[in-house]
């Protein structure tokens, strides 16, 4: 699908991330903020956006961390949900039928305790129709001893992506953590192992305290910080990774409006994900998508493909 339009048509916001993941808009809704789609479908026009990324799915059902596991912080929120989800069996039987009805791309976020668990989940989903690809969660900061270990190691990232590439022909998007020394090194490992794209950033490790009770706000003590507070960090990481890899970059982290999304595109993202702000404005995704479409469809507008990564730094 062309990103540059033709002599007789204005540029549009449609794009392809490769390996069958074609999007009508560069706007996606991020994992963990749209659940399994149905919960937000009456509040956001999914037909206007590029796609949704489901809540993380694991091999077995998970109850997650004990409460309190979410708290508001200045310009954002902190959470330690702990990958609570229905598990692969109920996802396929109870959630996929609705997801198939959506007029948008459906990307399944996948997490696990081991490479075998990741590959088992992907293998079982390969036979399920109506899915556009997988976002592999190697970067959850509030699940001790699991996917976070893989996401901070270049070798572990290469190994798990290599194994997943062997078991699926669907699009593999690897979700990266900012809680590493060199995020570009991890991104390169994912690319070398066969990833089709990378998404970043996941939440930043943070902490919130009630000084009156002398206790942390989260039972888990620390959690993942998200929202506008992390936007400058996210922009810097997207720019770093864009200049290191050749596969598409999907940017996220603190996007709260049209202007924020455009900044991520300039920094090198080919698409963006809206996360925390879905809790504040459930229709923000469709609103941003329509604003982007209007911008790139205007007479004389630059093409989306030419705009992405065109940040002027001299």
C-alpha atoms as a PDB file:
ATOM      1  CA  UNK A   1       0.000   0.000   0.000  1.00  0.00           C
ATOM      2  CA  UNK A   2       1.540   3.286  -1.095  1.00  0.00           C
ATOM      3  CA  UNK A   3       2.285   5.940   1.490  1.00  0.00           C
ATOM      4  CA  UNK A   4       2.918   8.616  -1.112  1.00  0.00           C
ATOM      5  CA  UNK A   5      -0.411   8.915  -2.919  1.00  0.00           C
ATOM      6  CA  UNK A   6      -0.585   9.658  -6.639  1.00  0.00           C
ATOM      7  CA  UNK A   7      -0.662  12.714  -8.852  1.00  0.00           C
ATOM      8  CA  UNK A   8      -4.450  12.589  -8.755  1.00  0.00           C
ATOM      9  CA  UNK A   9      -4.957  11.970  -5.056  1.00  0.00           C
ATOM     10  CA  UNK A  10      -3.903  13.615  -1.805  1.00  0.00           C
ATOM     11  CA  UNK A  11      -1.648  11.696   0.560  1.00  0.00           C
ATOM     12  CA  UNK A  12      -3.463   9.634   3.173  1.00  0.00           C
ATOM     13  CA  UNK A  13      -2.578   8.205   6.556  1.00  0.00           C
ATOM     14  CA  UNK A  14      -2.690   4.564   5.444  1.00  0.00           C
ATOM     15  CA  UNK A  15       0.522   2.552   5.780  1.00  0.00           C
ATOM     16  CA  UNK A  16       2.015  -0.913   6.028  1.00  0.00           C
ATOM     17  CA  UNK A  17       4.320  -2.158   8.770  1.00  0.00           C
ATOM     18  CA  UNK A  18       5.229  -5.151   6.643  1.00  0.00           C
ATOM     19  CA  UNK A  19       4.431  -8.876   6.618  1.00  0.00           C
ATOM     20  CA  UNK A  20       0.721  -8.350   6.176  1.00  0.00           C
ATOM     21  CA  UNK A  21       0.198  -5.725   8.862  1.00  0.00           C
ATOM     22  CA  UNK A  22      -1.573  -3.027   6.824  1.00  0.00           C
ATOM     23  CA  UNK A  23      -3.099  -0.121   8.731  1.00  0.00           C
ATOM     24  CA  UNK A  24      -5.652   2.470   7.636  1.00  0.00           C
ATOM     25  CA  UNK A  25      -4.127   4.886  10.173  1.00  0.00           C
ATOM     26  CA  UNK A  26      -0.829   5.130  12.088  1.00  0.00           C
ATOM     27  CA  UNK A  27      -2.804   5.225  15.359  1.00  0.00           C
ATOM     28  CA  UNK A  28      -3.042   2.072  17.479  1.00  0.00           C
ATOM     29  CA  UNK A  29      -4.466   1.621  20.983  1.00  0.00           C
ATOM     30  CA  UNK A  30      -1.875   0.204  23.375  1.00  0.00           C
ATOM     31  CA  UNK A  31      -1.987  -3.077  25.260  1.00  0.00           C
ATOM     32  CA  UNK A  32      -3.469  -2.942  28.727  1.00  0.00           C
ATOM     33  CA  UNK A  33      -5.571   0.141  28.025  1.00  0.00           C
ATOM     34  CA  UNK A  34      -8.190  -1.345  25.710  1.00  0.00           C
ATOM     35  CA  UNK A  35      -8.532  -4.773  27.391  1.00  0.00           C
ATOM     36  CA  UNK A  36      -9.917  -7.197  24.767  1.00  0.00           C
ATOM     37  CA  UNK A  37     -11.596  -4.516  22.651  1.00  0.00           C
ATOM     38  CA  UNK A  38     -15.231  -4.931  23.634  1.00  0.00           C
ATOM     39  CA  UNK A  39     -14.865  -2.828  26.777  1.00  0.00           C
ATOM     40  CA  UNK A  40     -13.932   0.291  24.761  1.00  0.00           C
ATOM     41  CA  UNK A  41     -15.790  -0.376  21.512  1.00  0.00           C
ATOM     42  CA  UNK A  42     -18.836   1.710  22.462  1.00  0.00           C
ATOM     43  CA  UNK A  43     -16.676   4.697  23.371  1.00  0.00           C
ATOM     44  CA  UNK A  44     -14.134   4.792  20.523  1.00  0.00           C
ATOM     45  CA  UNK A  45     -14.745   4.387  16.785  1.00  0.00           C
ATOM     46  CA  UNK A  46     -12.332   1.559  16.007  1.00  0.00           C
ATOM     47  CA  UNK A  47     -13.025   1.888  12.287  1.00  0.00           C
ATOM     48  CA  UNK A  48     -11.103   5.190  12.300  1.00  0.00           C
ATOM     49  CA  UNK A  49      -7.910   3.838  13.865  1.00  0.00           C
ATOM     50  CA  UNK A  50      -5.180   1.563  12.572  1.00  0.00           C
ATOM     51  CA  UNK A  51      -5.688  -1.167  15.131  1.00  0.00           C
ATOM     52  CA  UNK A  52      -5.831  -2.283  18.724  1.00  0.00           C
ATOM     53  CA  UNK A  53      -3.265  -4.200  20.750  1.00  0.00           C
ATOM     54  CA  UNK A  54      -4.975  -6.579  23.160  1.00  0.00           C
ATOM     55  CA  UNK A  55      -4.253  -7.015  26.818  1.00  0.00           C
ATOM     56  CA  UNK A  56      -1.271  -9.334  27.307  1.00  0.00           C
ATOM     57  CA  UNK A  57      -2.129 -13.026  26.943  1.00  0.00           C
ATOM     58  CA  UNK A  58      -0.235 -15.801  28.720  1.00  0.00           C
ATOM     59  CA  UNK A  59      -0.436 -19.570  28.433  1.00  0.00           C
ATOM     60  CA  UNK A  60      -2.357 -19.964  31.693  1.00  0.00           C
ATOM     61  CA  UNK A  61      -4.836 -17.519  33.303  1.00  0.00           C
ATOM     62  CA  UNK A  62      -3.306 -15.058  35.750  1.00  0.00           C
ATOM     63  CA  UNK A  63      -4.841 -13.104  38.604  1.00  0.00           C
ATOM     64  CA  UNK A  64      -1.974 -10.624  38.607  1.00  0.00           C
ATOM     65  CA  UNK A  65      -0.528  -8.761  41.568  1.00  0.00           C
ATOM     66  CA  UNK A  66      -2.598  -8.056  44.712  1.00  0.00           C
ATOM     67  CA  UNK A  67      -4.162  -4.594  45.081  1.00  0.00           C
ATOM     68  CA  UNK A  68      -3.489  -1.777  45.444  1.00  0.00           C
ATOM     69  CA  UNK A  69      -1.994  -2.080  41.962  1.00  0.00           C
ATOM     70  CA  UNK A  70      -2.701   1.238  40.279  1.00  0.00           C
ATOM     71  CA  UNK A  71      -2.291   4.832  41.425  1.00  0.00           C
ATOM     72  CA  UNK A  72      -2.384   8.297  39.922  1.00  0.00           C
ATOM     73  CA  UNK A  73       0.868  10.270  39.830  1.00  0.00           C
ATOM     74  CA  UNK A  74       1.695  13.788  38.601  1.00  0.00           C
ATOM     75  CA  UNK A  75       1.079  13.824  34.820  1.00  0.00           C
ATOM     76  CA  UNK A  76       0.533  10.096  34.702  1.00  0.00           C
ATOM     77  CA  UNK A  77      -0.124   6.875  36.549  1.00  0.00           C
ATOM     78  CA  UNK A  78       1.810   3.992  38.021  1.00  0.00           C
ATOM     79  CA  UNK A  79       0.662   0.398  37.833  1.00  0.00           C
ATOM     80  CA  UNK A  80       1.664  -3.085  38.894  1.00  0.00           C
ATOM     81  CA  UNK A  81      -1.192  -5.084  37.390  1.00  0.00           C
ATOM     82  CA  UNK A  82       1.070  -8.094  36.893  1.00  0.00           C
ATOM     83  CA  UNK A  83      -0.259  -9.336  33.533  1.00  0.00           C
ATOM     84  CA  UNK A  84      -3.675 -10.374  34.838  1.00  0.00           C
ATOM     85  CA  UNK A  85      -5.489 -12.081  31.964  1.00  0.00           C
ATOM     86  CA  UNK A  86      -7.866 -14.895  31.014  1.00  0.00           C
ATOM     87  CA  UNK A  87      -5.224 -17.180  29.494  1.00  0.00           C
ATOM     88  CA  UNK A  88      -4.927 -18.481  25.946  1.00  0.00           C
ATOM     89  CA  UNK A  89      -7.864 -20.927  26.019  1.00  0.00           C
ATOM     90  CA  UNK A  90     -10.479 -18.404  27.150  1.00  0.00           C
ATOM     91  CA  UNK A  91      -8.972 -15.749  24.917  1.00  0.00           C
ATOM     92  CA  UNK A  92      -9.567 -17.916  21.864  1.00  0.00           C
ATOM     93  CA  UNK A  93     -13.063 -19.061  22.874  1.00  0.00           C
ATOM     94  CA  UNK A  94     -14.415 -15.944  24.613  1.00  0.00           C
ATOM     95  CA  UNK A  95     -12.554 -12.931  23.217  1.00  0.00           C
ATOM     96  CA  UNK A  96     -11.554 -13.664  19.620  1.00  0.00           C
ATOM     97  CA  UNK A  97     -15.139 -13.929  18.272  1.00  0.00           C
ATOM     98  CA  UNK A  98     -15.750 -10.263  19.110  1.00  0.00           C
ATOM     99  CA  UNK A  99     -12.306  -9.185  17.909  1.00  0.00           C
ATOM    100  CA  UNK A 100     -13.093 -10.709  14.505  1.00  0.00           C
ATOM    101  CA  UNK A 101     -16.001  -8.291  14.104  1.00  0.00           C
ATOM    102  CA  UNK A 102     -13.832  -5.183  14.336  1.00  0.00           C
ATOM    103  CA  UNK A 103     -13.087  -3.083  11.276  1.00  0.00           C
ATOM    104  CA  UNK A 104      -9.480  -2.584  12.287  1.00  0.00           C
ATOM    105  CA  UNK A 105      -6.265  -4.565  12.738  1.00  0.00           C
ATOM    106  CA  UNK A 106      -6.040  -6.793  15.823  1.00  0.00           C
ATOM    107  CA  UNK A 107      -2.587  -7.333  17.299  1.00  0.00           C
ATOM    108  CA  UNK A 108      -2.282  -9.755  20.207  1.00  0.00           C
ATOM    109  CA  UNK A 109       0.139  -8.862  22.982  1.00  0.00           C
ATOM    110  CA  UNK A 110       1.879 -11.988  24.321  1.00  0.00           C
ATOM    111  CA  UNK A 111       3.859 -12.535  27.517  1.00  0.00           C
ATOM    112  CA  UNK A 112       5.329 -15.537  29.307  1.00  0.00           C
ATOM    113  CA  UNK A 113       7.683 -17.057  31.837  1.00  0.00           C
ATOM    114  CA  UNK A 114       9.883 -18.838  29.313  1.00  0.00           C
ATOM    115  CA  UNK A 115      10.646 -19.097  25.613  1.00  0.00           C
ATOM    116  CA  UNK A 116       8.604 -22.297  25.494  1.00  0.00           C
ATOM    117  CA  UNK A 117       5.549 -20.456  26.831  1.00  0.00           C
ATOM    118  CA  UNK A 118       5.875 -17.676  24.265  1.00  0.00           C
ATOM    119  CA  UNK A 119       6.225 -20.120  21.396  1.00  0.00           C
ATOM    120  CA  UNK A 120       3.326 -22.251  22.660  1.00  0.00           C
ATOM    121  CA  UNK A 121       0.977 -19.259  22.777  1.00  0.00           C
ATOM    122  CA  UNK A 122       2.026 -18.069  19.308  1.00  0.00           C
ATOM    123  CA  UNK A 123       1.709 -21.575  17.862  1.00  0.00           C
ATOM    124  CA  UNK A 124      -1.829 -21.911  19.185  1.00  0.00           C
ATOM    125  CA  UNK A 125      -2.832 -18.496  17.862  1.00  0.00           C
ATOM    126  CA  UNK A 126      -1.411 -19.209  14.405  1.00  0.00           C
ATOM    127  CA  UNK A 127      -4.496 -21.304  13.660  1.00  0.00           C
ATOM    128  CA  UNK A 128      -6.899 -18.566  14.782  1.00  0.00           C
ATOM    129  CA  UNK A 129      -8.327 -16.394  12.010  1.00  0.00           C
ATOM    130  CA  UNK A 130      -8.883 -12.657  12.299  1.00  0.00           C
ATOM    131  CA  UNK A 131      -5.576 -11.710  13.915  1.00  0.00           C
ATOM    132  CA  UNK A 132      -3.110  -9.366  12.207  1.00  0.00           C
ATOM    133  CA  UNK A 133       0.043 -10.068  14.194  1.00  0.00           C
ATOM    134  CA  UNK A 134       1.679 -10.315  17.597  1.00  0.00           C
ATOM    135  CA  UNK A 135       3.284  -7.785  19.922  1.00  0.00           C
ATOM    136  CA  UNK A 136       5.803  -9.712  22.010  1.00  0.00           C
ATOM    137  CA  UNK A 137       6.009  -8.273  25.506  1.00  0.00           C
ATOM    138  CA  UNK A 138       9.619  -8.611  26.652  1.00  0.00           C
ATOM    139  CA  UNK A 139       9.447  -5.578  28.877  1.00  0.00           C
ATOM    140  CA  UNK A 140       6.919  -5.762  31.706  1.00  0.00           C
ATOM    141  CA  UNK A 141       8.522  -3.985  34.714  1.00  0.00           C
ATOM    142  CA  UNK A 142       6.122  -5.253  37.379  1.00  0.00           C
ATOM    143  CA  UNK A 143       6.340  -9.031  36.955  1.00  0.00           C
ATOM    144  CA  UNK A 144       9.352 -10.303  38.841  1.00  0.00           C
ATOM    145  CA  UNK A 145      11.601 -12.849  37.155  1.00  0.00           C
ATOM    146  CA  UNK A 146       9.701 -13.173  33.892  1.00  0.00           C
ATOM    147  CA  UNK A 147       9.544 -11.187  30.644  1.00  0.00           C
ATOM    148  CA  UNK A 148      11.586  -8.300  32.048  1.00  0.00           C
ATOM    149  CA  UNK A 149      14.680 -10.532  32.209  1.00  0.00           C
ATOM    150  CA  UNK A 150      14.440 -11.286  28.498  1.00  0.00           C
ATOM    151  CA  UNK A 151      13.866  -7.666  27.566  1.00  0.00           C
ATOM    152  CA  UNK A 152      17.039  -6.364  29.186  1.00  0.00           C
ATOM    153  CA  UNK A 153      19.363  -8.912  27.585  1.00  0.00           C
ATOM    154  CA  UNK A 154      20.497  -8.643  23.979  1.00  0.00           C
ATOM    155  CA  UNK A 155      21.240 -12.370  23.783  1.00  0.00           C
ATOM    156  CA  UNK A 156      17.921 -13.368  25.356  1.00  0.00           C
ATOM    157  CA  UNK A 157      16.030 -11.046  23.019  1.00  0.00           C
ATOM    158  CA  UNK A 158      17.784 -12.532  19.991  1.00  0.00           C
ATOM    159  CA  UNK A 159      17.045 -16.071  21.164  1.00  0.00           C
ATOM    160  CA  UNK A 160      13.342 -15.605  21.836  1.00  0.00           C
ATOM    161  CA  UNK A 161      12.681 -13.677  18.609  1.00  0.00           C
ATOM    162  CA  UNK A 162      14.599 -16.317  16.637  1.00  0.00           C
ATOM    163  CA  UNK A 163      12.463 -19.089  18.130  1.00  0.00           C
ATOM    164  CA  UNK A 164       9.238 -17.186  17.517  1.00  0.00           C
ATOM    165  CA  UNK A 165      10.220 -16.499  13.919  1.00  0.00           C
ATOM    166  CA  UNK A 166      10.477 -20.262  13.399  1.00  0.00           C
ATOM    167  CA  UNK A 167       6.876 -20.869  14.455  1.00  0.00           C
ATOM    168  CA  UNK A 168       4.966 -18.030  12.762  1.00  0.00           C
ATOM    169  CA  UNK A 169       4.712 -16.204   9.466  1.00  0.00           C
ATOM    170  CA  UNK A 170       2.622 -13.462  11.057  1.00  0.00           C
ATOM    171  CA  UNK A 171       3.955 -10.010  11.884  1.00  0.00           C
ATOM    172  CA  UNK A 172       6.217  -9.947  14.963  1.00  0.00           C
ATOM    173  CA  UNK A 173       6.372  -6.626  16.795  1.00  0.00           C
ATOM    174  CA  UNK A 174       8.775  -6.647  19.745  1.00  0.00           C
ATOM    175  CA  UNK A 175       7.900  -4.354  22.659  1.00  0.00           C
ATOM    176  CA  UNK A 176      10.987  -2.799  24.227  1.00  0.00           C
ATOM    177  CA  UNK A 177      11.683  -1.508  27.718  1.00  0.00           C
ATOM    178  CA  UNK A 178      13.449   1.812  28.414  1.00  0.00           C
ATOM    179  CA  UNK A 179      14.906   0.306  31.592  1.00  0.00           C
ATOM    180  CA  UNK A 180      18.142  -0.776  29.903  1.00  0.00           C
ATOM    181  CA  UNK A 181      21.584   0.683  29.256  1.00  0.00           C
ATOM    182  CA  UNK A 182      21.211   0.611  25.448  1.00  0.00           C
ATOM    183  CA  UNK A 183      17.736   0.230  23.969  1.00  0.00           C
ATOM    184  CA  UNK A 184      19.142   0.417  20.439  1.00  0.00           C
ATOM    185  CA  UNK A 185      21.266  -2.669  21.112  1.00  0.00           C
ATOM    186  CA  UNK A 186      18.166  -4.626  22.136  1.00  0.00           C
ATOM    187  CA  UNK A 187      16.289  -3.341  19.080  1.00  0.00           C
ATOM    188  CA  UNK A 188      19.100  -4.434  16.780  1.00  0.00           C
ATOM    189  CA  UNK A 189      19.079  -7.901  18.334  1.00  0.00           C
ATOM    190  CA  UNK A 190      15.344  -8.153  17.655  1.00  0.00           C
ATOM    191  CA  UNK A 191      15.817  -7.038  14.056  1.00  0.00           C
ATOM    192  CA  UNK A 192      18.690  -9.456  13.440  1.00  0.00           C
ATOM    193  CA  UNK A 193      16.572 -12.313  14.811  1.00  0.00           C
ATOM    194  CA  UNK A 194      13.719 -11.647  12.406  1.00  0.00           C
ATOM    195  CA  UNK A 195      11.411  -9.093  14.034  1.00  0.00           C
ATOM    196  CA  UNK A 196       9.204  -7.139  11.625  1.00  0.00           C
ATOM    197  CA  UNK A 197       8.932  -4.059  13.856  1.00  0.00           C
ATOM    198  CA  UNK A 198       9.670  -2.801  17.354  1.00  0.00           C
ATOM    199  CA  UNK A 199       7.364  -0.860  19.680  1.00  0.00           C
ATOM    200  CA  UNK A 200       8.607   1.463  22.403  1.00  0.00           C
ATOM    201  CA  UNK A 201       8.628   2.504  25.083  1.00  0.00           C
ATOM    202  CA  UNK A 202       6.992   0.362  27.691  1.00  0.00           C
ATOM    203  CA  UNK A 203       6.575   1.913  31.132  1.00  0.00           C
ATOM    204  CA  UNK A 204       9.436   3.326  33.180  1.00  0.00           C
ATOM    205  CA  UNK A 205      10.091   1.763  36.594  1.00  0.00           C
ATOM    206  CA  UNK A 206       8.758   4.134  39.246  1.00  0.00           C
ATOM    207  CA  UNK A 207       7.475   4.405  42.786  1.00  0.00           C
ATOM    208  CA  UNK A 208       4.882   6.416  44.693  1.00  0.00           C
ATOM    209  CA  UNK A 209       4.703   6.894  48.475  1.00  0.00           C
ATOM    210  CA  UNK A 210       2.129   8.136  50.988  1.00  0.00           C
ATOM    211  CA  UNK A 211       4.227  10.027  53.506  1.00  0.00           C
ATOM    212  CA  UNK A 212       1.420  10.017  56.090  1.00  0.00           C
ATOM    213  CA  UNK A 213       1.168   6.225  56.239  1.00  0.00           C
ATOM    214  CA  UNK A 214       4.869   5.781  55.385  1.00  0.00           C
ATOM    215  CA  UNK A 215       3.847   3.153  52.864  1.00  0.00           C
ATOM    216  CA  UNK A 216       4.169   2.820  49.098  1.00  0.00           C
ATOM    217  CA  UNK A 217       0.948   3.390  47.157  1.00  0.00           C
ATOM    218  CA  UNK A 218       1.377   0.073  45.363  1.00  0.00           C
ATOM    219  CA  UNK A 219       1.380  -3.282  47.128  1.00  0.00           C
ATOM    220  CA  UNK A 220       4.169  -4.283  44.731  1.00  0.00           C
ATOM    221  CA  UNK A 221       6.137  -1.241  45.992  1.00  0.00           C
ATOM    222  CA  UNK A 222       7.357  -0.307  42.490  1.00  0.00           C
ATOM    223  CA  UNK A 223       5.488  -0.321  39.206  1.00  0.00           C
ATOM    224  CA  UNK A 224       5.401   1.008  35.681  1.00  0.00           C
ATOM    225  CA  UNK A 225       5.098   4.767  35.211  1.00  0.00           C
ATOM    226  CA  UNK A 226       3.151   5.906  32.143  1.00  0.00           C
ATOM    227  CA  UNK A 227       1.372   8.987  30.834  1.00  0.00           C
ATOM    228  CA  UNK A 228       2.573  12.450  29.740  1.00  0.00           C
ATOM    229  CA  UNK A 229       5.329  12.414  32.376  1.00  0.00           C
ATOM    230  CA  UNK A 230       7.385   9.943  30.314  1.00  0.00           C
ATOM    231  CA  UNK A 231       6.922  11.544  26.884  1.00  0.00           C
ATOM    232  CA  UNK A 232      10.397  13.203  26.682  1.00  0.00           C
ATOM    233  CA  UNK A 233      12.030   9.872  27.563  1.00  0.00           C
ATOM    234  CA  UNK A 234       9.944   8.060  24.970  1.00  0.00           C
ATOM    235  CA  UNK A 235      10.745  10.545  22.212  1.00  0.00           C
ATOM    236  CA  UNK A 236      14.474  10.219  22.873  1.00  0.00           C
ATOM    237  CA  UNK A 237      14.320   6.417  22.795  1.00  0.00           C
ATOM    238  CA  UNK A 238      12.264   6.362  19.587  1.00  0.00           C
ATOM    239  CA  UNK A 239      14.790   8.680  17.919  1.00  0.00           C
ATOM    240  CA  UNK A 240      17.677   6.492  19.120  1.00  0.00           C
ATOM    241  CA  UNK A 241      16.129   3.265  17.844  1.00  0.00           C
ATOM    242  CA  UNK A 242      14.981   4.813  14.552  1.00  0.00           C
ATOM    243  CA  UNK A 243      18.606   5.702  13.830  1.00  0.00           C
ATOM    244  CA  UNK A 244      19.784   2.168  14.676  1.00  0.00           C
ATOM    245  CA  UNK A 245      17.375  -0.199  12.878  1.00  0.00           C
ATOM    246  CA  UNK A 246      15.843  -0.510   9.427  1.00  0.00           C
ATOM    247  CA  UNK A 247      12.543  -2.121  10.482  1.00  0.00           C
ATOM    248  CA  UNK A 248       9.539   0.078  11.374  1.00  0.00           C
ATOM    249  CA  UNK A 249       9.390   1.711  14.797  1.00  0.00           C
ATOM    250  CA  UNK A 250       6.066   2.082  16.621  1.00  0.00           C
ATOM    251  CA  UNK A 251       6.281   4.841  19.220  1.00  0.00           C
ATOM    252  CA  UNK A 252       4.396   5.271  22.470  1.00  0.00           C
ATOM    253  CA  UNK A 253       4.753   6.936  25.836  1.00  0.00           C
ATOM    254  CA  UNK A 254       2.736   9.919  27.005  1.00  0.00           C
ATOM    255  CA  UNK A 255       0.825  10.714  23.822  1.00  0.00           C
ATOM    256  CA  UNK A 256      -2.086  12.931  24.843  1.00  0.00           C
ATOM    257  CA  UNK A 257      -3.125  14.562  21.577  1.00  0.00           C
ATOM    258  CA  UNK A 258      -2.535  15.154  17.870  1.00  0.00           C
ATOM    259  CA  UNK A 259       0.594  17.239  18.395  1.00  0.00           C
ATOM    260  CA  UNK A 260       2.221  14.562  20.555  1.00  0.00           C
ATOM    261  CA  UNK A 261       1.558  11.900  17.926  1.00  0.00           C
ATOM    262  CA  UNK A 262       3.065  14.093  15.202  1.00  0.00           C
ATOM    263  CA  UNK A 263       6.206  14.568  17.313  1.00  0.00           C
ATOM    264  CA  UNK A 264       6.662  10.799  17.533  1.00  0.00           C
ATOM    265  CA  UNK A 265       6.257  10.467  13.783  1.00  0.00           C
ATOM    266  CA  UNK A 266       8.894  13.149  13.254  1.00  0.00           C
ATOM    267  CA  UNK A 267      11.237  11.344  15.649  1.00  0.00           C
ATOM    268  CA  UNK A 268      11.072   8.251  13.460  1.00  0.00           C
ATOM    269  CA  UNK A 269       7.959   6.328  14.456  1.00  0.00           C
ATOM    270  CA  UNK A 270       5.994   4.943  11.515  1.00  0.00           C
ATOM    271  CA  UNK A 271       2.979   4.438  13.773  1.00  0.00           C
ATOM    272  CA  UNK A 272       2.060   5.321  17.357  1.00  0.00           C
ATOM    273  CA  UNK A 273       0.199   3.721  20.238  1.00  0.00           C
ATOM    274  CA  UNK A 274      -2.097   5.606  22.619  1.00  0.00           C
ATOM    275  CA  UNK A 275      -2.041   4.206  26.142  1.00  0.00           C
ATOM    276  CA  UNK A 276      -2.791   5.868  29.466  1.00  0.00           C
ATOM    277  CA  UNK A 277      -4.885   8.660  27.959  1.00  0.00           C
ATOM    278  CA  UNK A 278      -7.474   6.080  26.863  1.00  0.00           C
ATOM    279  CA  UNK A 279      -8.510   5.991  30.537  1.00  0.00           C
ATOM    280  CA  UNK A 280      -9.069   9.751  30.522  1.00  0.00           C
ATOM    281  CA  UNK A 281     -10.567  10.233  27.051  1.00  0.00           C
ATOM    282  CA  UNK A 282     -11.810   6.865  25.700  1.00  0.00           C
ATOM    283  CA  UNK A 283     -12.305   8.332  22.207  1.00  0.00           C
ATOM    284  CA  UNK A 284      -8.854   9.902  22.003  1.00  0.00           C
ATOM    285  CA  UNK A 285      -7.577   7.300  19.555  1.00  0.00           C
ATOM    286  CA  UNK A 286     -10.220   7.955  16.911  1.00  0.00           C
ATOM    287  CA  UNK A 287      -9.922  11.719  17.427  1.00  0.00           C
ATOM    288  CA  UNK A 288      -6.151  11.669  16.883  1.00  0.00           C
ATOM    289  CA  UNK A 289      -6.520   9.328  13.911  1.00  0.00           C
ATOM    290  CA  UNK A 290      -9.014  11.645  12.228  1.00  0.00           C
ATOM    291  CA  UNK A 291      -6.784  14.671  12.860  1.00  0.00           C
ATOM    292  CA  UNK A 292      -3.801  12.877  11.312  1.00  0.00           C
ATOM    293  CA  UNK A 293      -5.868  11.792   8.317  1.00  0.00           C
ATOM    294  CA  UNK A 294      -7.016  15.363   7.801  1.00  0.00           C
ATOM    295  CA  UNK A 295      -3.446  16.655   8.032  1.00  0.00           C
ATOM    296  CA  UNK A 296      -1.982  14.259   5.461  1.00  0.00           C
ATOM    297  CA  UNK A 297      -4.991  14.466   3.144  1.00  0.00           C
ATOM    298  CA  UNK A 298      -4.808  18.240   2.815  1.00  0.00           C
ATOM    299  CA  UNK A 299      -3.955  19.634  -0.588  1.00  0.00           C
ATOM    300  CA  UNK A 300      -0.199  19.962  -0.972  1.00  0.00           C
ATOM    301  CA  UNK A 301       0.545  18.069   2.236  1.00  0.00           C
ATOM    302  CA  UNK A 302       3.714  16.025   2.588  1.00  0.00           C
ATOM    303  CA  UNK A 303       3.216  12.265   2.375  1.00  0.00           C
ATOM    304  CA  UNK A 304       3.152  10.344   5.649  1.00  0.00           C
ATOM    305  CA  UNK A 305       6.111   8.212   4.559  1.00  0.00           C
ATOM    306  CA  UNK A 306       8.190  11.308   3.890  1.00  0.00           C
ATOM    307  CA  UNK A 307       7.168  12.985   7.147  1.00  0.00           C
ATOM    308  CA  UNK A 308       8.108  10.065   9.407  1.00  0.00           C
ATOM    309  CA  UNK A 309      11.700  10.476  10.615  1.00  0.00           C
ATOM    310  CA  UNK A 310      12.139  13.879   8.952  1.00  0.00           C
ATOM    311  CA  UNK A 311      13.208  15.662  12.134  1.00  0.00           C
ATOM    312  CA  UNK A 312      15.526  18.579  11.342  1.00  0.00           C
ATOM    313  CA  UNK A 313      18.515  18.487  13.693  1.00  0.00           C
ATOM    314  CA  UNK A 314      21.000  20.978  12.165  1.00  0.00           C
END
